Amino acid sequence: MGFGFVEIGSVTPLPQPGNPKPRVFRLPELDAVINRYGFNSHGVDAVAANLAAFRQREAAGMGAGLGSSQTPSAPADGAAPSGRVGVNLGKNKASDDAAGDYAIGAAKLGRFADYLVINVSSPNTPGLRALQGRRELERLVRRCQAARDAAGPWGAVGPPPVLVKVAPDLTEADKADIAMVALRTGVDGLIVSNTTLARPKDVADHPTGDEVGGLSGRPLFEPSTAVLRDMYRLTKGRMPIIGVGGVSSGQDAYAKIRAGASLVEIYSSLAYGGPAVVPRMKRELAACLRRDGFDSVAAAVGADHRKQS
């Protein structure tokens, strides 16, 4: 389809059904979605089996040895290399040990992942966003890193990176705390951001706008990009950031990149536009880069901050 990477999850240690249905609502006039899925998951063991089978097919098709994270190192016989696969980890709703849940996911799925995500920002699991506090987040990250490291041995490339996914509904103090923990613990990156609990006026006035859950799509673009810009500044550009929230065009992706994103994800725009949005967005992004004299995405990362300086 043209993606450079795909992120799966959130995956919980034990199977759970998620919240009662209906739990997803489209606001097509606003290119928006409200969901309250609640981490519906088949559980870590089922996902591990699926990923193991995927990696085996991938290796057989490419005729290459497996690298440190079970990713084929080079294509053979003209086969195209696969994209990267990230695994997003969550906690079970009924669990009293959040750090233990994330550690289980890291230990069982790390060997199949090109990166792991500690998702502490979904609004649909009670108490989850409280884990973004300084003390709770640092304890959680360190335990997850330890579980990942112990699941080795890892090759020369090392274990899969660990990223933290944060909410857009953060205070200035929240953002400063998260940046400090990320730098102190050596987190490998951030994902900014998850869905929002806010309801802009056009959403609030929509017949479906009062549904409980996280809002994604076009109304999320500006607030999520503002938080992305702040997190890039607070971390001094020292770690990769995946930008997500309301991206529906190459121009949107370019704005995320200039604000500090090294990678960009889409969700709602794929639901509304289908696979055709991917090549269109890539063409539009390439045009933005050429227009502004950048020869690669990497050269444009954080460009808005350099301009301000």
Protein backbone atom coordinates (compact mmCIF):
# COMPACT_ATOMS: atom_id res chain seq x y z
CA MET A 1 0.00 0.00 0.00
CA GLY A 2 3.02 2.29 0.24
CA PHE A 3 3.43 2.60 4.00
CA GLY A 4 6.93 2.74 5.45
CA PHE A 5 5.81 1.17 8.71
CA VAL A 6 2.72 -0.18 10.48
CA GLU A 7 1.91 -0.12 14.18
CA ILE A 8 -0.33 -2.81 15.68
CA GLY A 9 -2.20 -2.80 18.98
CA SER A 10 -2.81 -1.88 21.62
CA VAL A 11 -2.08 -5.42 22.83
CA THR A 12 -3.00 -6.42 26.38
CA PRO A 13 -1.48 -9.39 28.27
CA LEU A 14 -4.82 -11.22 28.65
CA PRO A 15 -7.65 -11.30 26.11
CA GLN A 16 -10.39 -8.78 26.82
CA PRO A 17 -13.49 -7.74 24.87
CA GLY A 18 -13.14 -3.98 25.29
CA ASN A 19 -16.03 -1.66 25.99
CA PRO A 20 -19.64 -2.50 25.07
CA LYS A 21 -20.81 -1.80 21.52
CA PRO A 22 -21.53 0.55 19.87
CA ARG A 23 -18.14 2.07 20.61
CA VAL A 24 -17.06 3.86 17.45
CA PHE A 25 -18.88 6.80 15.86
CA ARG A 26 -18.15 8.60 12.61
CA LEU A 27 -18.60 12.33 12.12
CA PRO A 28 -18.10 12.37 8.33
CA GLU A 29 -18.95 16.05 7.88
CA LEU A 30 -15.96 16.85 10.11
CA ASP A 31 -13.62 14.06 8.94
CA ALA A 32 -13.62 12.92 12.56
CA VAL A 33 -14.12 9.75 14.59
CA ILE A 34 -14.98 9.19 18.25
CA ASN A 35 -14.05 5.80 19.68
CA ARG A 36 -14.17 4.14 23.06
CA TYR A 37 -12.87 0.71 22.10
CA GLY A 38 -11.20 0.11 25.46
CA PHE A 39 -8.23 -2.01 24.31
CA ASN A 40 -10.22 -4.87 22.78
CA SER A 41 -7.49 -7.48 22.32
CA HIS A 42 -6.97 -11.18 21.69
CA GLY A 43 -4.10 -11.05 24.17
CA VAL A 44 -0.34 -11.19 23.97
CA ASP A 45 -0.04 -14.91 23.20
CA ALA A 46 -2.34 -14.78 20.16
CA VAL A 47 -0.50 -11.72 18.85
CA ALA A 48 2.88 -13.40 19.41
CA ALA A 49 1.73 -16.39 17.35
CA ASN A 50 0.53 -14.14 14.53
CA LEU A 51 3.76 -12.14 14.51
CA ALA A 52 5.90 -15.28 14.60
CA ALA A 53 4.08 -16.63 11.54
CA PHE A 54 4.42 -13.26 9.80
CA ARG A 55 8.17 -13.11 10.45
CA GLN A 56 8.63 -16.68 9.22
CA ARG A 57 6.78 -15.93 5.96
CA GLU A 58 8.74 -12.72 5.61
CA ALA A 59 12.08 -14.48 6.04
CA ALA A 60 11.14 -17.29 3.65
CA GLY A 61 10.02 -14.84 1.00
CA MET A 62 13.15 -12.75 1.22
CA GLY A 63 15.69 -15.53 1.62
CA ALA A 64 17.56 -13.60 4.30
CA GLY A 65 18.69 -14.25 7.83
CA LEU A 66 16.85 -12.71 10.76
CA GLY A 67 18.35 -9.71 12.49
CA SER A 68 18.33 -8.80 16.17
CA SER A 69 14.63 -7.99 16.16
CA GLN A 70 13.70 -10.86 13.87
CA THR A 71 13.58 -8.54 10.88
CA PRO A 72 15.05 -9.83 7.59
CA SER A 73 18.22 -7.92 6.90
CA ALA A 74 18.13 -7.82 3.09
CA PRO A 75 15.85 -8.83 0.24
CA ALA A 76 16.77 -11.66 -2.12
CA ASP A 77 15.76 -12.52 -5.67
CA GLY A 78 14.38 -9.04 -6.24
CA ALA A 79 11.90 -9.26 -3.36
CA ALA A 80 10.88 -5.95 -1.86
CA PRO A 81 11.94 -5.41 1.78
CA SER A 82 9.11 -5.32 4.25
CA GLY A 83 8.24 -2.21 6.19
CA ARG A 84 8.83 -1.87 9.90
CA VAL A 85 6.30 -3.24 12.39
CA GLY A 86 5.77 -1.51 15.72
CA VAL A 87 3.89 -3.16 18.58
CA ASN A 88 1.78 -0.94 20.83
CA LEU A 89 1.38 -2.25 24.40
CA GLY A 90 -1.54 -1.67 26.77
CA LYS A 91 -2.75 -2.86 30.17
CA ASN A 92 -5.75 -4.98 31.02
CA LYS A 93 -8.68 -3.01 32.40
CA ALA A 94 -8.92 -5.14 35.55
CA SER A 95 -5.18 -5.23 36.25
CA ASP A 96 -3.79 -3.61 39.39
CA ASP A 97 -0.19 -3.85 38.13
CA ALA A 98 0.11 -1.60 35.10
CA ALA A 99 3.91 -1.79 34.96
CA GLY A 100 3.72 -5.57 35.12
CA ASP A 101 1.30 -5.66 32.18
CA TYR A 102 3.59 -3.56 29.99
CA ALA A 103 6.57 -5.68 31.04
CA ILE A 104 4.75 -8.84 29.95
CA GLY A 105 4.09 -7.31 26.54
CA ALA A 106 7.70 -6.20 26.13
CA ALA A 107 9.05 -9.60 27.13
CA LYS A 108 6.76 -11.65 24.88
CA LEU A 109 6.53 -9.38 21.83
CA GLY A 110 9.86 -7.56 21.78
CA ARG A 111 11.58 -10.19 19.64
CA PHE A 112 9.05 -9.63 16.86
CA ALA A 113 8.94 -5.84 16.99
CA ASP A 114 10.93 -3.18 15.21
CA TYR A 115 9.85 -0.90 18.04
CA LEU A 116 7.65 -1.12 21.14
CA VAL A 117 5.16 1.49 22.34
CA ILE A 118 4.16 2.13 25.93
CA ASN A 119 0.63 3.46 25.46
CA VAL A 120 -0.31 5.40 28.59
CA SER A 121 -2.54 7.88 26.80
CA SER A 122 -5.75 6.16 25.74
CA PRO A 123 -8.75 7.89 27.33
CA ASN A 124 -10.80 4.69 27.32
CA THR A 125 -9.09 2.66 30.06
CA PRO A 126 -9.80 4.01 33.57
CA GLY A 127 -6.73 5.47 35.26
CA LEU A 128 -4.43 4.94 32.29
CA ARG A 129 -3.58 8.60 31.68
CA ALA A 130 -2.52 8.97 35.32
CA LEU A 131 0.51 6.87 34.35
CA GLN A 132 1.85 9.91 32.48
CA GLY A 133 2.85 11.49 35.83
CA ARG A 134 6.57 11.83 36.48
CA ARG A 135 7.04 9.16 39.13
CA GLU A 136 4.61 6.66 37.64
CA LEU A 137 5.97 7.05 34.11
CA GLU A 138 9.60 6.67 35.12
CA ARG A 139 8.86 3.49 37.07
CA LEU A 140 6.85 2.12 34.18
CA VAL A 141 9.45 2.90 31.51
CA ARG A 142 12.33 1.40 33.48
CA ARG A 143 10.43 -1.81 34.19
CA CYS A 144 9.44 -2.14 30.55
CA GLN A 145 13.01 -1.54 29.39
CA ALA A 146 14.31 -4.13 31.84
CA ALA A 147 11.79 -6.73 30.65
CA ARG A 148 12.70 -6.05 27.03
CA ASP A 149 16.44 -6.32 27.73
CA ALA A 150 16.02 -9.57 29.65
CA ALA A 151 14.15 -11.13 26.72
CA GLY A 152 17.38 -11.24 24.68
CA PRO A 153 20.06 -12.11 23.83
CA TRP A 154 20.04 -9.38 21.22
CA GLY A 155 22.40 -9.08 18.30
CA ALA A 156 24.71 -6.23 17.44
CA VAL A 157 21.81 -3.95 16.53
CA GLY A 158 20.43 -4.30 20.03
CA PRO A 159 16.89 -4.67 21.36
CA PRO A 160 13.91 -2.91 19.77
CA PRO A 161 13.49 0.76 20.70
CA VAL A 162 10.90 1.70 23.30
CA LEU A 163 8.67 4.71 22.66
CA VAL A 164 6.05 6.39 24.84
CA LYS A 165 2.70 7.51 23.41
CA VAL A 166 1.26 10.59 25.09
CA ALA A 167 -2.08 12.39 25.13
CA PRO A 168 -2.83 15.78 23.57
CA ASP A 169 -4.65 16.88 26.73
CA LEU A 170 -1.54 17.80 28.73
CA THR A 171 -0.75 20.74 30.96
CA GLU A 172 2.55 22.57 30.63
CA ALA A 173 3.74 20.79 33.78
CA ASP A 174 2.70 17.41 32.31
CA LYS A 175 4.72 18.04 29.16
CA ALA A 176 7.78 19.12 31.13
CA ASP A 177 7.55 16.01 33.33
CA ILE A 178 7.22 13.66 30.36
CA ALA A 179 10.18 15.28 28.59
CA MET A 180 12.31 15.00 31.72
CA VAL A 181 11.45 11.32 32.21
CA ALA A 182 12.06 10.58 28.54
CA LEU A 183 15.52 12.12 28.65
CA ARG A 184 16.43 10.64 32.04
CA THR A 185 15.39 7.08 31.19
CA GLY A 186 16.79 7.08 27.67
CA VAL A 187 13.44 6.46 26.02
CA ASP A 188 14.05 5.96 22.31
CA GLY A 189 11.21 8.18 21.13
CA LEU A 190 7.75 9.64 21.67
CA ILE A 191 4.44 9.32 19.83
CA VAL A 192 2.40 12.53 19.84
CA SER A 193 -0.48 12.15 20.22
CA ASN A 194 -3.38 9.89 21.12
CA THR A 195 -7.02 10.95 20.78
CA THR A 196 -8.44 13.91 22.70
CA LEU A 197 -11.25 14.24 25.21
CA ALA A 198 -11.79 17.85 24.13
CA ARG A 199 -14.81 18.74 22.02
CA PRO A 200 -14.29 21.79 19.78
CA LYS A 201 -17.49 23.70 19.06
CA ASP A 202 -18.14 22.10 15.66
CA VAL A 203 -17.76 18.67 17.23
CA ALA A 204 -19.88 19.56 20.26
CA ASP A 205 -22.63 20.83 17.96
CA HIS A 206 -22.63 17.63 15.89
CA PRO A 207 -25.44 15.13 16.64
CA THR A 208 -22.81 12.52 17.53
CA GLY A 209 -20.40 14.89 19.24
CA ASP A 210 -21.57 14.09 22.76
CA GLU A 211 -20.52 10.44 22.57
CA VAL A 212 -17.98 9.44 25.22
CA GLY A 213 -14.52 8.53 23.95
CA GLY A 214 -11.43 9.84 22.22
CA LEU A 215 -11.77 12.19 19.27
CA SER A 216 -9.52 11.68 16.23
CA GLY A 217 -9.42 13.08 12.71
CA ARG A 218 -9.25 16.62 11.40
CA PRO A 219 -10.26 18.39 14.65
CA LEU A 220 -7.26 16.79 16.36
CA PHE A 221 -4.67 18.16 13.93
CA GLU A 222 -3.96 21.56 15.49
CA PRO A 223 -3.87 20.53 19.19
CA SER A 224 -1.80 17.40 18.53
CA THR A 225 0.68 19.35 16.38
CA ALA A 226 1.02 22.00 19.09
CA VAL A 227 1.91 19.32 21.66
CA LEU A 228 4.33 17.75 19.16
CA ARG A 229 6.06 21.11 18.73
CA ASP A 230 6.33 21.53 22.50
CA MET A 231 7.72 18.02 23.06
CA TYR A 232 10.36 18.50 20.36
CA ARG A 233 11.44 21.74 22.05
CA LEU A 234 11.40 20.27 25.56
CA THR A 235 13.47 17.25 24.50
CA LYS A 236 15.80 19.56 22.53
CA GLY A 237 15.32 17.51 19.39
CA ARG A 238 17.30 14.64 20.92
CA MET A 239 14.83 11.84 20.22
CA PRO A 240 12.63 10.79 17.31
CA ILE A 241 8.97 11.71 17.51
CA ILE A 242 6.15 10.04 15.61
CA GLY A 243 3.52 12.62 14.74
CA VAL A 244 -0.10 11.49 14.61
CA GLY A 245 -3.43 13.25 14.79
CA GLY A 246 -5.61 14.62 12.01
CA VAL A 247 -3.21 13.97 9.13
CA SER A 248 -5.17 13.77 5.88
CA SER A 249 -2.81 15.31 3.31
CA GLY A 250 0.84 15.61 2.42
CA GLN A 251 0.70 19.18 3.65
CA ASP A 252 -0.48 17.94 7.06
CA ALA A 253 2.34 15.40 7.19
CA TYR A 254 4.82 18.12 6.22
CA ALA A 255 3.56 20.37 9.03
CA LYS A 256 4.10 17.54 11.53
CA ILE A 257 7.62 16.99 10.19
CA ARG A 258 8.52 20.68 10.38
CA ALA A 259 7.17 20.73 13.94
CA GLY A 260 9.56 17.90 14.88
CA ALA A 261 8.19 14.56 13.67
CA SER A 262 10.57 12.06 12.11
CA LEU A 263 7.70 9.70 11.22
CA VAL A 264 4.00 10.31 10.63
CA GLU A 265 1.00 8.03 11.21
CA ILE A 266 -2.56 8.18 9.91
CA TYR A 267 -5.76 6.61 11.21
CA SER A 268 -9.05 8.37 10.53
CA SER A 269 -8.07 9.58 7.06
CA LEU A 270 -7.38 5.99 6.01
CA ALA A 271 -10.83 4.98 7.30
CA TYR A 272 -12.49 7.71 5.25
CA GLY A 273 -10.27 7.79 2.18
CA GLY A 274 -9.10 4.21 1.82
CA PRO A 275 -5.74 3.06 0.43
CA ALA A 276 -5.70 5.77 -2.25
CA VAL A 277 -4.83 8.39 0.37
CA VAL A 278 -1.35 6.93 0.83
CA PRO A 279 0.22 7.59 -2.62
CA ARG A 280 -1.59 10.93 -2.80
CA MET A 281 -0.18 12.07 0.51
CA LYS A 282 3.31 10.92 -0.45
CA ARG A 283 3.18 12.89 -3.71
CA GLU A 284 1.98 15.97 -1.87
CA LEU A 285 4.68 15.60 0.77
CA ALA A 286 7.38 15.25 -1.88
CA ALA A 287 6.11 18.42 -3.55
CA CYS A 288 6.30 20.33 -0.24
CA LEU A 289 9.88 19.17 0.29
CA ARG A 290 10.95 20.18 -3.22
CA ARG A 291 9.24 23.57 -2.93
CA ASP A 292 11.17 24.42 0.23
CA GLY A 293 14.50 23.02 -0.95
CA PHE A 294 14.70 19.90 1.21
CA ASP A 295 16.22 16.79 -0.39
CA SER A 296 14.76 14.41 2.22
CA VAL A 297 12.26 14.18 5.04
CA ALA A 298 15.14 14.01 7.53
CA ALA A 299 16.39 17.41 6.41
CA ALA A 300 13.01 18.99 7.18
CA VAL A 301 12.52 17.52 10.68
CA GLY A 302 12.20 20.37 13.16
CA ALA A 303 12.61 23.06 10.50
CA ASP A 304 10.14 25.37 12.23
CA HIS A 305 12.33 25.44 15.35
CA ARG A 306 15.46 26.34 13.37
CA LYS A 307 13.55 29.11 11.63
CA GLN A 308 12.43 30.55 14.97
CA SER A 309 15.97 30.37 16.33
